[in-house]
Amino acid sequence: MLWSLFLNHPGRIAHKWKHYFPVYEKHFSRYINRPVVMFEIGCGEGGSLQLWKQYLGPLATIVGLDIRPECKAFEEDQIQVRIGDQSNPDFLGTVLREFGPPDIVLDDGSHITKHVVASFQFLYPHVTRDGIYFVEDLQTAYWDEFGGGHKRPGTFIELCKDLMDELNAQYSRGSVQESDFSKTTLSMSMYNALAVFEKGSIGHTFNIQLGQGKESLTVTQPPLVG
């Protein structure tokens, strides 16, 4: 559906990598025709904002965030644009106060690694309890001109590696501390140049052993931390 909308898009210029579309559909389709709030960091030429509006339906509010004042011209029904620096917590705080917690955040902004990290660290805790945080164009995490580099400390890719440990902190026997991230994150998905975080909680974990010769349910507690 989204791919077809993109190919037939009649509005402002939209620029997307082809292999992103199945990933968008996988994670965003459940929001179609719901009263969803989406923040898109980086407005481009305005076409992406229009694409999300068309895809998500008439109940969606699309909020574009960009540092360029000329992007205000992209506003229309269901689309709002706010001008500011994606790494500035004061700016992001004003957007949150105006529109409330986002259900979806899509970072297609500067792609400068310190900006991507700063936006994530500020906004992710405010995403709704079952929301999505989507970071694209992570190839720049390997490029010097964007502050990146292979295994360079501080890139978003390196942050994701640490967050994978946090997600599994309860099994680490104390070597990794549980955090707000580990308690509020259901999953992390890594794709080619993409990272997707789904908020949620699996609750109390246990495994179940069933089958022939088992007269009753066997519940095994997870390994103790520490």
N, C-alpha and C. Protein backbone atom coordinates (compact mmCIF):
# COMPACT_ATOMS: atom_id res chain seq x y z
N MET A 1 0.82 -1.21 0.00
CA MET A 1 0.00 0.00 0.00
C MET A 1 0.86 1.27 0.00
N LEU A 2 1.81 1.35 0.93
CA LEU A 2 2.63 2.55 1.04
C LEU A 2 3.50 2.73 -0.20
N TRP A 3 4.05 1.61 -0.72
CA TRP A 3 4.87 1.68 -1.91
C TRP A 3 4.06 2.22 -3.09
N SER A 4 2.82 1.76 -3.21
CA SER A 4 1.96 2.25 -4.29
C SER A 4 1.65 3.73 -4.13
N LEU A 5 1.39 4.15 -2.89
CA LEU A 5 1.15 5.57 -2.64
C LEU A 5 2.35 6.41 -3.03
N PHE A 6 3.53 5.90 -2.70
CA PHE A 6 4.77 6.62 -3.03
C PHE A 6 4.95 6.74 -4.55
N LEU A 7 4.76 5.64 -5.26
CA LEU A 7 4.96 5.65 -6.72
C LEU A 7 3.97 6.58 -7.42
N ASN A 8 2.81 6.77 -6.80
CA ASN A 8 1.78 7.61 -7.42
C ASN A 8 1.62 8.95 -6.71
N HIS A 9 2.61 9.32 -5.91
CA HIS A 9 2.52 10.54 -5.11
C HIS A 9 2.49 11.77 -6.01
N PRO A 10 1.44 12.60 -5.91
CA PRO A 10 1.32 13.76 -6.80
C PRO A 10 1.79 15.08 -6.18
N GLY A 11 2.18 15.05 -4.93
CA GLY A 11 2.44 16.30 -4.22
C GLY A 11 3.90 16.73 -4.25
N ARG A 12 4.37 17.25 -3.12
CA ARG A 12 5.74 17.73 -3.00
C ARG A 12 6.72 16.56 -3.13
N ILE A 13 7.98 16.89 -3.40
CA ILE A 13 8.99 15.87 -3.61
C ILE A 13 9.18 15.03 -2.35
N ALA A 14 9.14 13.72 -2.51
CA ALA A 14 9.43 12.77 -1.44
C ALA A 14 10.60 11.90 -1.89
N HIS A 15 11.56 11.70 -1.00
CA HIS A 15 12.80 10.97 -1.33
C HIS A 15 12.98 9.85 -0.32
N LYS A 16 12.89 8.59 -0.77
CA LYS A 16 12.98 7.45 0.13
C LYS A 16 13.81 6.33 -0.52
N TRP A 17 14.49 5.54 0.31
CA TRP A 17 15.15 4.34 -0.17
C TRP A 17 14.11 3.24 -0.36
N LYS A 18 14.23 2.50 -1.47
CA LYS A 18 13.24 1.49 -1.82
C LYS A 18 13.11 0.41 -0.73
N HIS A 19 14.23 -0.02 -0.17
CA HIS A 19 14.17 -1.15 0.77
C HIS A 19 13.60 -0.76 2.14
N TYR A 20 13.32 0.54 2.34
CA TYR A 20 12.69 0.96 3.59
C TYR A 20 11.21 0.61 3.64
N PHE A 21 10.57 0.52 2.48
CA PHE A 21 9.11 0.45 2.46
C PHE A 21 8.54 -0.79 3.15
N PRO A 22 9.08 -1.98 2.95
CA PRO A 22 8.55 -3.12 3.71
C PRO A 22 8.70 -2.95 5.22
N VAL A 23 9.74 -2.25 5.64
CA VAL A 23 9.96 -2.03 7.07
C VAL A 23 8.95 -1.01 7.60
N TYR A 24 8.71 0.06 6.85
CA TYR A 24 7.66 0.99 7.23
C TYR A 24 6.33 0.26 7.42
N GLU A 25 5.97 -0.54 6.43
CA GLU A 25 4.68 -1.24 6.47
C GLU A 25 4.61 -2.17 7.69
N LYS A 26 5.68 -2.87 7.96
CA LYS A 26 5.70 -3.82 9.07
C LYS A 26 5.41 -3.13 10.40
N HIS A 27 5.98 -1.95 10.60
CA HIS A 27 5.89 -1.31 11.90
C HIS A 27 4.81 -0.23 12.00
N PHE A 28 4.40 0.35 10.89
CA PHE A 28 3.45 1.47 10.93
C PHE A 28 2.02 1.08 10.57
N SER A 29 1.81 -0.08 9.96
CA SER A 29 0.48 -0.38 9.42
C SER A 29 -0.59 -0.43 10.50
N ARG A 30 -0.22 -0.79 11.72
CA ARG A 30 -1.24 -0.88 12.77
C ARG A 30 -1.81 0.47 13.19
N TYR A 31 -1.19 1.54 12.72
CA TYR A 31 -1.66 2.89 13.08
C TYR A 31 -2.61 3.48 12.04
N ILE A 32 -2.85 2.79 10.94
CA ILE A 32 -3.70 3.33 9.89
C ILE A 32 -5.11 3.59 10.43
N ASN A 33 -5.62 4.79 10.14
CA ASN A 33 -6.97 5.21 10.54
C ASN A 33 -7.16 5.26 12.05
N ARG A 34 -6.06 5.46 12.76
CA ARG A 34 -6.13 5.71 14.20
C ARG A 34 -5.74 7.16 14.49
N PRO A 35 -6.15 7.73 15.63
CA PRO A 35 -5.78 9.11 15.97
C PRO A 35 -4.34 9.18 16.45
N VAL A 36 -3.42 8.98 15.53
CA VAL A 36 -2.01 8.85 15.84
C VAL A 36 -1.31 10.21 15.71
N VAL A 37 -0.31 10.42 16.56
CA VAL A 37 0.57 11.60 16.46
C VAL A 37 1.94 11.11 16.00
N MET A 38 2.40 11.64 14.89
CA MET A 38 3.69 11.25 14.33
C MET A 38 4.60 12.47 14.25
N PHE A 39 5.80 12.35 14.81
CA PHE A 39 6.84 13.36 14.64
C PHE A 39 7.79 12.88 13.54
N GLU A 40 7.98 13.68 12.50
CA GLU A 40 9.02 13.38 11.52
C GLU A 40 10.10 14.43 11.64
N ILE A 41 11.28 14.00 12.05
CA ILE A 41 12.43 14.89 12.18
C ILE A 41 13.09 15.00 10.82
N GLY A 42 13.09 16.20 10.28
CA GLY A 42 13.59 16.44 8.93
C GLY A 42 12.45 16.45 7.94
N CYS A 43 12.18 17.60 7.35
CA CYS A 43 11.02 17.74 6.46
C CYS A 43 11.36 17.56 4.98
N GLY A 44 12.64 17.58 4.65
CA GLY A 44 13.02 17.44 3.24
C GLY A 44 12.35 18.50 2.40
N GLU A 45 11.69 18.04 1.32
CA GLU A 45 10.95 18.96 0.44
C GLU A 45 9.45 18.94 0.74
N GLY A 46 9.06 18.28 1.83
CA GLY A 46 7.67 18.30 2.25
C GLY A 46 6.84 17.12 1.78
N GLY A 47 7.37 16.35 0.83
CA GLY A 47 6.59 15.25 0.28
C GLY A 47 6.40 14.10 1.25
N SER A 48 7.38 13.86 2.09
CA SER A 48 7.27 12.77 3.06
C SER A 48 6.13 13.04 4.04
N LEU A 49 6.00 14.27 4.49
CA LEU A 49 4.90 14.63 5.39
C LEU A 49 3.55 14.31 4.75
N GLN A 50 3.44 14.65 3.48
CA GLN A 50 2.19 14.38 2.77
C GLN A 50 1.96 12.88 2.60
N LEU A 51 3.03 12.14 2.37
CA LEU A 51 2.92 10.70 2.21
C LEU A 51 2.40 10.04 3.49
N TRP A 52 2.94 10.46 4.64
CA TRP A 52 2.49 9.89 5.91
C TRP A 52 1.04 10.26 6.19
N LYS A 53 0.67 11.46 5.86
CA LYS A 53 -0.73 11.88 6.03
C LYS A 53 -1.66 10.99 5.21
N GLN A 54 -1.29 10.73 3.97
CA GLN A 54 -2.13 9.91 3.10
C GLN A 54 -2.15 8.47 3.58
N TYR A 55 -1.04 7.96 4.03
CA TYR A 55 -0.94 6.56 4.45
C TYR A 55 -1.68 6.30 5.77
N LEU A 56 -1.47 7.18 6.75
CA LEU A 56 -2.02 6.95 8.08
C LEU A 56 -3.50 7.31 8.19
N GLY A 57 -3.98 8.18 7.29
CA GLY A 57 -5.41 8.43 7.24
C GLY A 57 -5.86 9.72 7.90
N PRO A 58 -7.16 9.96 7.91
CA PRO A 58 -7.71 11.27 8.28
C PRO A 58 -7.63 11.60 9.77
N LEU A 59 -7.30 10.63 10.62
CA LEU A 59 -7.23 10.91 12.05
C LEU A 59 -5.81 11.23 12.52
N ALA A 60 -4.85 11.13 11.63
CA ALA A 60 -3.44 11.31 11.99
C ALA A 60 -3.07 12.79 12.06
N THR A 61 -2.18 13.10 13.00
CA THR A 61 -1.54 14.42 13.06
C THR A 61 -0.05 14.22 12.77
N ILE A 62 0.42 14.86 11.74
CA ILE A 62 1.82 14.74 11.32
C ILE A 62 2.53 16.04 11.70
N VAL A 63 3.59 15.91 12.49
CA VAL A 63 4.35 17.08 12.96
C VAL A 63 5.76 16.99 12.40
N GLY A 64 6.08 17.90 11.51
CA GLY A 64 7.42 17.95 10.95
C GLY A 64 8.31 18.86 11.78
N LEU A 65 9.53 18.40 12.05
CA LEU A 65 10.50 19.19 12.81
C LEU A 65 11.71 19.45 11.92
N ASP A 66 12.09 20.71 11.79
CA ASP A 66 13.21 21.04 10.92
C ASP A 66 13.82 22.36 11.37
N ILE A 67 15.10 22.52 11.08
CA ILE A 67 15.79 23.75 11.46
C ILE A 67 15.61 24.86 10.44
N ARG A 68 15.07 24.54 9.27
CA ARG A 68 14.94 25.52 8.19
C ARG A 68 13.58 26.23 8.25
N PRO A 69 13.58 27.55 8.41
CA PRO A 69 12.30 28.28 8.52
C PRO A 69 11.38 28.10 7.33
N GLU A 70 11.95 27.89 6.14
CA GLU A 70 11.11 27.77 4.94
C GLU A 70 10.20 26.54 4.97
N CYS A 71 10.48 25.61 5.86
CA CYS A 71 9.66 24.41 5.95
C CYS A 71 8.26 24.68 6.49
N LYS A 72 8.05 25.85 7.09
CA LYS A 72 6.70 26.21 7.56
C LYS A 72 5.70 26.23 6.41
N ALA A 73 6.20 26.42 5.20
CA ALA A 73 5.33 26.45 4.02
C ALA A 73 4.71 25.09 3.73
N PHE A 74 5.20 24.04 4.37
CA PHE A 74 4.68 22.69 4.12
C PHE A 74 3.42 22.40 4.94
N GLU A 75 3.01 23.32 5.80
CA GLU A 75 1.84 23.07 6.62
C GLU A 75 0.57 23.01 5.77
N GLU A 76 -0.32 22.11 6.16
CA GLU A 76 -1.64 21.99 5.54
C GLU A 76 -2.51 21.21 6.52
N ASP A 77 -3.71 20.88 6.13
CA ASP A 77 -4.59 20.10 6.99
C ASP A 77 -3.88 18.83 7.45
N GLN A 78 -3.86 18.60 8.75
CA GLN A 78 -3.24 17.45 9.42
C GLN A 78 -1.72 17.54 9.51
N ILE A 79 -1.11 18.51 8.89
CA ILE A 79 0.35 18.63 8.93
C ILE A 79 0.74 19.94 9.59
N GLN A 80 1.51 19.83 10.67
CA GLN A 80 2.07 20.98 11.36
C GLN A 80 3.59 20.91 11.26
N VAL A 81 4.23 22.06 11.22
CA VAL A 81 5.69 22.12 11.16
C VAL A 81 6.18 23.05 12.25
N ARG A 82 7.18 22.60 13.00
CA ARG A 82 7.80 23.42 14.02
C ARG A 82 9.29 23.53 13.73
N ILE A 83 9.80 24.74 13.88
CA ILE A 83 11.17 25.05 13.47
C ILE A 83 12.09 25.06 14.69
N GLY A 84 13.12 24.24 14.64
CA GLY A 84 14.09 24.19 15.73
C GLY A 84 15.12 23.10 15.50
N ASP A 85 16.09 23.04 16.39
CA ASP A 85 17.20 22.10 16.31
C ASP A 85 16.80 20.78 16.95
N GLN A 86 16.93 19.69 16.22
CA GLN A 86 16.49 18.39 16.73
C GLN A 86 17.28 17.93 17.94
N SER A 87 18.44 18.52 18.19
CA SER A 87 19.25 18.12 19.35
C SER A 87 19.04 19.03 20.55
N ASN A 88 18.13 20.01 20.42
CA ASN A 88 17.89 20.98 21.48
C ASN A 88 16.73 20.51 22.36
N PRO A 89 16.99 20.13 23.61
CA PRO A 89 15.91 19.62 24.46
C PRO A 89 14.83 20.66 24.75
N ASP A 90 15.19 21.93 24.79
CA ASP A 90 14.18 22.97 25.03
C ASP A 90 13.18 23.01 23.87
N PHE A 91 13.69 22.94 22.65
CA PHE A 91 12.81 22.92 21.48
C PHE A 91 11.93 21.68 21.49
N LEU A 92 12.53 20.53 21.70
CA LEU A 92 11.76 19.29 21.70
C LEU A 92 10.72 19.29 22.82
N GLY A 93 11.06 19.89 23.94
CA GLY A 93 10.11 19.99 25.05
C GLY A 93 8.89 20.81 24.69
N THR A 94 9.10 21.90 23.96
CA THR A 94 7.95 22.72 23.56
C THR A 94 7.04 21.96 22.60
N VAL A 95 7.63 21.15 21.72
CA VAL A 95 6.83 20.36 20.79
C VAL A 95 6.01 19.32 21.56
N LEU A 96 6.63 18.67 22.53
CA LEU A 96 5.91 17.69 23.34
C LEU A 96 4.76 18.33 24.12
N ARG A 97 5.00 19.50 24.65
CA ARG A 97 3.94 20.17 25.41
C ARG A 97 2.77 20.56 24.50
N GLU A 98 3.07 20.89 23.26
CA GLU A 98 2.02 21.31 22.34
C GLU A 98 1.21 20.12 21.81
N PHE A 99 1.90 19.05 21.43
CA PHE A 99 1.23 17.95 20.73
C PHE A 99 1.06 16.69 21.57
N GLY A 100 1.71 16.65 22.72
CA GLY A 100 1.62 15.47 23.56
C GLY A 100 2.58 14.38 23.11
N PRO A 101 2.54 13.24 23.80
CA PRO A 101 3.46 12.16 23.48
C PRO A 101 3.23 11.62 22.06
N PRO A 102 4.28 11.43 21.29
CA PRO A 102 4.10 10.89 19.94
C PRO A 102 3.92 9.38 19.96
N ASP A 103 3.10 8.87 19.04
CA ASP A 103 2.98 7.44 18.84
C ASP A 103 4.10 6.92 17.95
N ILE A 104 4.54 7.77 17.04
CA ILE A 104 5.63 7.43 16.11
C ILE A 104 6.61 8.59 16.07
N VAL A 105 7.88 8.28 16.17
CA VAL A 105 8.93 9.25 15.85
C VAL A 105 9.75 8.65 14.71
N LEU A 106 9.92 9.42 13.65
CA LEU A 106 10.76 9.01 12.52
C LEU A 106 11.88 10.02 12.38
N ASP A 107 13.11 9.60 12.61
CA ASP A 107 14.26 10.50 12.50
C ASP A 107 14.88 10.37 11.11
N ASP A 108 14.59 11.38 10.30
CA ASP A 108 15.20 11.52 8.97
C ASP A 108 15.78 12.92 8.87
N GLY A 109 16.42 13.35 9.97
CA GLY A 109 16.88 14.73 10.08
C GLY A 109 18.28 14.96 9.55
N SER A 110 19.13 15.52 10.38
CA SER A 110 20.47 15.92 9.94
C SER A 110 21.37 14.72 9.63
N HIS A 111 21.10 13.59 10.27
CA HIS A 111 21.92 12.37 10.18
C HIS A 111 23.29 12.54 10.83
N ILE A 112 23.53 13.69 11.45
CA ILE A 112 24.76 13.88 12.23
C ILE A 112 24.62 13.09 13.51
N THR A 113 25.60 12.26 13.79
CA THR A 113 25.41 11.24 14.82
C THR A 113 25.07 11.82 16.19
N LYS A 114 25.69 12.93 16.57
CA LYS A 114 25.38 13.49 17.89
C LYS A 114 23.97 14.04 17.95
N HIS A 115 23.44 14.49 16.80
CA HIS A 115 22.05 14.95 16.77
C HIS A 115 21.08 13.79 16.89
N VAL A 116 21.38 12.70 16.18
CA VAL A 116 20.52 11.52 16.23
C VAL A 116 20.45 10.96 17.65
N VAL A 117 21.60 10.89 18.30
CA VAL A 117 21.65 10.38 19.67
C VAL A 117 20.89 11.30 20.62
N ALA A 118 21.10 12.61 20.48
CA ALA A 118 20.44 13.57 21.38
C ALA A 118 18.93 13.52 21.24
N SER A 119 18.43 13.44 20.01
CA SER A 119 16.98 13.37 19.79
C SER A 119 16.40 12.11 20.42
N PHE A 120 17.08 10.98 20.21
CA PHE A 120 16.60 9.72 20.75
C PHE A 120 16.58 9.74 22.28
N GLN A 121 17.66 10.20 22.87
CA GLN A 121 17.74 10.18 24.33
C GLN A 121 16.69 11.07 24.97
N PHE A 122 16.33 12.16 24.30
CA PHE A 122 15.30 13.03 24.87
C PHE A 122 13.89 12.52 24.56
N LEU A 123 13.64 12.14 23.33
CA LEU A 123 12.27 11.84 22.91
C LEU A 123 11.82 10.42 23.27
N TYR A 124 12.72 9.47 23.24
CA TYR A 124 12.29 8.08 23.41
C TYR A 124 11.50 7.85 24.71
N PRO A 125 11.92 8.39 25.84
CA PRO A 125 11.13 8.19 27.05
C PRO A 125 9.71 8.76 26.98
N HIS A 126 9.48 9.68 26.04
CA HIS A 126 8.17 10.32 25.93
C HIS A 126 7.27 9.65 24.90
N VAL A 127 7.78 8.71 24.13
CA VAL A 127 6.95 8.00 23.17
C VAL A 127 5.88 7.20 23.92
N THR A 128 4.69 7.11 23.37
CA THR A 128 3.60 6.40 24.03
C THR A 128 4.01 4.97 24.38
N ARG A 129 3.34 4.39 25.33
CA ARG A 129 3.77 3.12 25.92
C ARG A 129 3.82 1.98 24.92
N ASP A 130 3.10 2.09 23.78
CA ASP A 130 3.17 1.05 22.74
C ASP A 130 3.62 1.65 21.40
N GLY A 131 4.38 2.76 21.49
CA GLY A 131 4.76 3.49 20.29
C GLY A 131 6.02 2.97 19.62
N ILE A 132 6.43 3.70 18.57
CA ILE A 132 7.54 3.30 17.70
C ILE A 132 8.52 4.46 17.58
N TYR A 133 9.82 4.14 17.68
CA TYR A 133 10.87 5.11 17.37
C TYR A 133 11.70 4.51 16.23
N PHE A 134 11.76 5.24 15.12
CA PHE A 134 12.33 4.73 13.88
C PHE A 134 13.45 5.67 13.44
N VAL A 135 14.65 5.12 13.31
CA VAL A 135 15.80 5.92 12.88
C VAL A 135 16.29 5.39 11.54
N GLU A 136 16.37 6.26 10.55
CA GLU A 136 16.78 5.80 9.23
C GLU A 136 18.09 6.46 8.78
N ASP A 137 18.63 5.93 7.69
CA ASP A 137 19.88 6.41 7.08
C ASP A 137 21.06 6.27 8.03
N LEU A 138 21.14 5.13 8.70
CA LEU A 138 22.22 4.90 9.66
C LEU A 138 23.55 4.58 9.00
N GLN A 139 23.59 4.56 7.68
CA GLN A 139 24.88 4.46 7.01
C GLN A 139 25.80 5.61 7.41
N THR A 140 25.19 6.74 7.76
CA THR A 140 26.01 7.91 8.14
C THR A 140 26.74 7.71 9.46
N ALA A 141 26.31 6.72 10.25
CA ALA A 141 27.02 6.42 11.50
C ALA A 141 28.42 5.88 11.24
N TYR A 142 28.71 5.53 10.00
CA TYR A 142 30.03 5.03 9.63
C TYR A 142 30.86 6.07 8.87
N TRP A 143 30.30 7.25 8.64
CA TRP A 143 30.94 8.25 7.78
C TRP A 143 31.50 9.39 8.61
N ASP A 144 32.76 9.72 8.40
CA ASP A 144 33.44 10.75 9.18
C ASP A 144 32.74 12.10 9.11
N GLU A 145 32.26 12.46 7.92
CA GLU A 145 31.67 13.80 7.73
C GLU A 145 30.38 13.99 8.54
N PHE A 146 29.81 12.91 9.06
CA PHE A 146 28.63 13.00 9.92
C PHE A 146 28.96 12.70 11.38
N GLY A 147 30.24 12.65 11.68
CA GLY A 147 30.67 12.35 13.04
C GLY A 147 30.70 10.87 13.34
N GLY A 148 30.67 10.05 12.27
CA GLY A 148 30.63 8.62 12.43
C GLY A 148 31.97 7.95 12.21
N GLY A 149 31.95 6.63 12.19
CA GLY A 149 33.13 5.82 12.00
C GLY A 149 32.91 4.43 12.57
N HIS A 150 33.55 3.44 11.99
CA HIS A 150 33.37 2.06 12.45
C HIS A 150 33.83 1.92 13.89
N LYS A 151 32.92 1.53 14.75
CA LYS A 151 33.15 1.35 16.18
C LYS A 151 33.59 2.65 16.88
N ARG A 152 33.26 3.76 16.27
CA ARG A 152 33.60 5.06 16.88
C ARG A 152 32.66 5.33 18.06
N PRO A 153 33.17 5.60 19.24
CA PRO A 153 32.31 5.87 20.40
C PRO A 153 31.37 7.04 20.14
N GLY A 154 30.14 6.90 20.58
CA GLY A 154 29.18 7.98 20.49
C GLY A 154 28.26 7.95 19.29
N THR A 155 28.50 7.02 18.36
CA THR A 155 27.58 6.94 17.22
C THR A 155 26.29 6.23 17.63
N PHE A 156 25.26 6.39 16.82
CA PHE A 156 24.00 5.74 17.15
C PHE A 156 24.11 4.23 17.04
N ILE A 157 24.93 3.74 16.12
CA ILE A 157 25.14 2.30 16.01
C ILE A 157 25.76 1.75 17.29
N GLU A 158 26.74 2.45 17.84
CA GLU A 158 27.36 1.99 19.08
C GLU A 158 26.36 2.08 20.25
N LEU A 159 25.53 3.11 20.25
CA LEU A 159 24.47 3.20 21.26
C LEU A 159 23.53 2.00 21.17
N CYS A 160 23.17 1.60 19.96
CA CYS A 160 22.28 0.45 19.79
C CYS A 160 22.90 -0.82 20.36
N LYS A 161 24.20 -0.99 20.21
CA LYS A 161 24.87 -2.17 20.75
C LYS A 161 24.75 -2.19 22.28
N ASP A 162 24.91 -1.03 22.89
CA ASP A 162 24.76 -0.96 24.36
C ASP A 162 23.31 -1.19 24.77
N LEU A 163 22.38 -0.64 23.99
CA LEU A 163 20.97 -0.81 24.33
C LEU A 163 20.51 -2.26 24.19
N MET A 164 21.13 -3.01 23.31
CA MET A 164 20.82 -4.43 23.21
C MET A 164 21.15 -5.14 24.52
N ASP A 165 22.27 -4.76 25.13
CA ASP A 165 22.60 -5.31 26.44
C ASP A 165 21.57 -4.90 27.48
N GLU A 166 21.16 -3.62 27.46
CA GLU A 166 20.16 -3.15 28.42
C GLU A 166 18.84 -3.90 28.27
N LEU A 167 18.47 -4.18 27.02
CA LEU A 167 17.21 -4.89 26.77
C LEU A 167 17.22 -6.26 27.45
N ASN A 168 18.40 -6.85 27.58
CA ASN A 168 18.54 -8.18 28.18
C ASN A 168 19.18 -8.12 29.56
N ALA A 169 19.06 -6.98 30.23
CA ALA A 169 19.74 -6.77 31.50
C ALA A 169 19.34 -7.78 32.56
N GLN A 170 18.11 -8.24 32.56
CA GLN A 170 17.64 -9.14 33.62
C GLN A 170 18.36 -10.48 33.62
N TYR A 171 19.01 -10.80 32.50
CA TYR A 171 19.74 -12.07 32.41
C TYR A 171 21.24 -11.92 32.63
N SER A 172 21.69 -10.71 32.90
CA SER A 172 23.13 -10.43 32.91
C SER A 172 23.83 -10.73 34.23
N ARG A 173 23.06 -11.18 35.22
CA ARG A 173 23.61 -11.48 36.54
C ARG A 173 24.33 -10.28 37.15
N GLY A 174 23.75 -9.11 36.91
CA GLY A 174 24.24 -7.89 37.54
C GLY A 174 25.26 -7.12 36.75
N SER A 175 25.75 -7.66 35.64
CA SER A 175 26.76 -6.94 34.87
C SER A 175 26.17 -5.78 34.08
N VAL A 176 24.86 -5.84 33.81
CA VAL A 176 24.16 -4.74 33.16
C VAL A 176 22.96 -4.40 34.03
N GLN A 177 22.82 -3.13 34.37
CA GLN A 177 21.72 -2.69 35.23
C GLN A 177 20.44 -2.49 34.42
N GLU A 178 19.33 -2.97 35.00
CA GLU A 178 18.04 -2.67 34.37
C GLU A 178 17.81 -1.17 34.40
N SER A 179 17.08 -0.67 33.43
CA SER A 179 16.90 0.76 33.24
C SER A 179 15.48 1.04 32.78
N ASP A 180 15.15 2.32 32.66
CA ASP A 180 13.85 2.68 32.10
C ASP A 180 13.73 2.11 30.69
N PHE A 181 14.83 2.11 29.95
CA PHE A 181 14.80 1.56 28.59
C PHE A 181 14.44 0.08 28.63
N SER A 182 15.11 -0.69 29.46
CA SER A 182 14.86 -2.13 29.49
C SER A 182 13.45 -2.45 29.99
N LYS A 183 12.90 -1.60 30.83
CA LYS A 183 11.57 -1.85 31.40
C LYS A 183 10.43 -1.40 30.49
N THR A 184 10.74 -0.55 29.51
CA THR A 184 9.67 0.01 28.66
C THR A 184 9.83 -0.34 27.19
N THR A 185 10.79 -1.20 26.85
CA THR A 185 11.05 -1.53 25.46
C THR A 185 10.69 -2.98 25.19
N LEU A 186 9.83 -3.20 24.21
CA LEU A 186 9.44 -4.55 23.84
C LEU A 186 10.45 -5.18 22.89
N SER A 187 10.95 -4.37 21.94
CA SER A 187 11.85 -4.95 20.95
C SER A 187 12.74 -3.88 20.31
N MET A 188 13.87 -4.35 19.80
CA MET A 188 14.74 -3.58 18.93
C MET A 188 14.89 -4.36 17.64
N SER A 189 14.72 -3.70 16.51
CA SER A 189 14.88 -4.36 15.21
C SER A 189 15.90 -3.58 14.40
N MET A 190 16.92 -4.30 13.91
CA MET A 190 17.96 -3.68 13.10
C MET A 190 17.84 -4.18 11.66
N TYR A 191 17.81 -3.23 10.73
CA TYR A 191 17.74 -3.53 9.31
C TYR A 191 18.89 -2.79 8.62
N ASN A 192 18.99 -2.97 7.33
CA ASN A 192 19.99 -2.25 6.55
C ASN A 192 19.76 -0.75 6.69
N ALA A 193 20.65 -0.08 7.44
CA ALA A 193 20.61 1.38 7.64
C ALA A 193 19.42 1.86 8.45
N LEU A 194 18.74 0.94 9.17
CA LEU A 194 17.57 1.31 9.95
C LEU A 194 17.63 0.69 11.34
N ALA A 195 17.07 1.41 12.31
CA ALA A 195 16.86 0.86 13.64
C ALA A 195 15.44 1.21 14.07
N VAL A 196 14.72 0.22 14.60
CA VAL A 196 13.33 0.44 15.01
C VAL A 196 13.17 -0.07 16.44
N PHE A 197 12.63 0.78 17.29
CA PHE A 197 12.38 0.45 18.69
C PHE A 197 10.88 0.45 18.92
N GLU A 198 10.38 -0.63 19.52
CA GLU A 198 8.97 -0.72 19.86
C GLU A 198 8.82 -0.66 21.38
N LYS A 199 8.05 0.30 21.85
CA LYS A 199 7.80 0.42 23.28
C LYS A 199 6.84 -0.67 23.73
N GLY A 200 6.94 -1.04 24.99
CA GLY A 200 6.06 -2.04 25.55
C GLY A 200 6.79 -2.83 26.62
N SER A 201 6.11 -3.80 27.18
CA SER A 201 6.71 -4.63 28.22
C SER A 201 6.23 -6.06 28.06
N ILE A 202 7.13 -7.04 28.25
CA ILE A 202 6.74 -8.44 28.19
C ILE A 202 6.23 -8.93 29.53
N GLY A 203 6.31 -8.08 30.57
CA GLY A 203 5.85 -8.48 31.89
C GLY A 203 6.79 -9.50 32.53
N HIS A 204 6.23 -10.31 33.42
CA HIS A 204 7.03 -11.32 34.12
C HIS A 204 7.40 -12.44 33.15
N THR A 205 8.68 -12.77 33.06
CA THR A 205 9.13 -13.79 32.12
C THR A 205 9.24 -15.16 32.79
N PHE A 206 8.81 -16.16 32.07
CA PHE A 206 8.99 -17.54 32.52
C PHE A 206 8.85 -18.45 31.30
N ASN A 207 9.37 -19.66 31.42
CA ASN A 207 9.18 -20.61 30.32
C ASN A 207 8.32 -21.77 30.78
N ILE A 208 7.69 -22.43 29.83
CA ILE A 208 6.72 -23.49 30.09
C ILE A 208 7.19 -24.78 29.43
N GLN A 209 7.19 -25.86 30.19
CA GLN A 209 7.57 -27.16 29.66
C GLN A 209 6.35 -28.07 29.64
N LEU A 210 5.98 -28.51 28.45
CA LEU A 210 4.80 -29.36 28.27
C LEU A 210 5.16 -30.53 27.36
N GLY A 211 4.32 -31.56 27.34
CA GLY A 211 4.54 -32.67 26.43
C GLY A 211 4.31 -34.00 27.10
N GLN A 212 4.57 -35.06 26.40
CA GLN A 212 4.34 -36.41 26.91
C GLN A 212 5.16 -36.66 28.16
N GLY A 213 4.51 -37.32 29.12
CA GLY A 213 5.18 -37.64 30.36
C GLY A 213 5.15 -36.52 31.38
N LYS A 214 4.54 -35.37 30.99
CA LYS A 214 4.42 -34.25 31.91
C LYS A 214 2.98 -34.18 32.39
N GLU A 215 2.78 -34.46 33.68
CA GLU A 215 1.41 -34.47 34.20
C GLU A 215 0.92 -33.08 34.55
N SER A 216 1.86 -32.15 34.66
CA SER A 216 1.45 -30.80 35.04
C SER A 216 2.38 -29.79 34.38
N LEU A 217 1.95 -28.56 34.45
CA LEU A 217 2.72 -27.44 33.92
C LEU A 217 3.99 -27.24 34.73
N THR A 218 5.10 -27.05 34.06
CA THR A 218 6.36 -26.75 34.74
C THR A 218 6.75 -25.32 34.41
N VAL A 219 6.90 -24.50 35.43
CA VAL A 219 7.27 -23.10 35.25
C VAL A 219 8.67 -22.90 35.81
N THR A 220 9.54 -22.37 34.98
CA THR A 220 10.92 -22.12 35.41
C THR A 220 11.15 -20.62 35.47
N GLN A 221 11.58 -20.14 36.59
CA GLN A 221 11.85 -18.72 36.76
C GLN A 221 13.10 -18.35 35.96
N PRO A 222 13.20 -17.08 35.51
CA PRO A 222 14.40 -16.65 34.81
C PRO A 222 15.60 -16.64 35.78
N PRO A 223 16.81 -16.65 35.23
CA PRO A 223 17.99 -16.60 36.11
C PRO A 223 17.95 -15.37 37.00
N LEU A 224 18.33 -15.55 38.23
CA LEU A 224 18.37 -14.44 39.17
C LEU A 224 19.45 -13.45 38.76
N VAL A 225 19.16 -12.16 38.90
CA VAL A 225 20.15 -11.12 38.64
C VAL A 225 21.02 -10.98 39.87
N GLY A 226 22.32 -10.99 39.68
CA GLY A 226 23.24 -10.82 40.79
C GLY A 226 23.80 -12.14 41.27
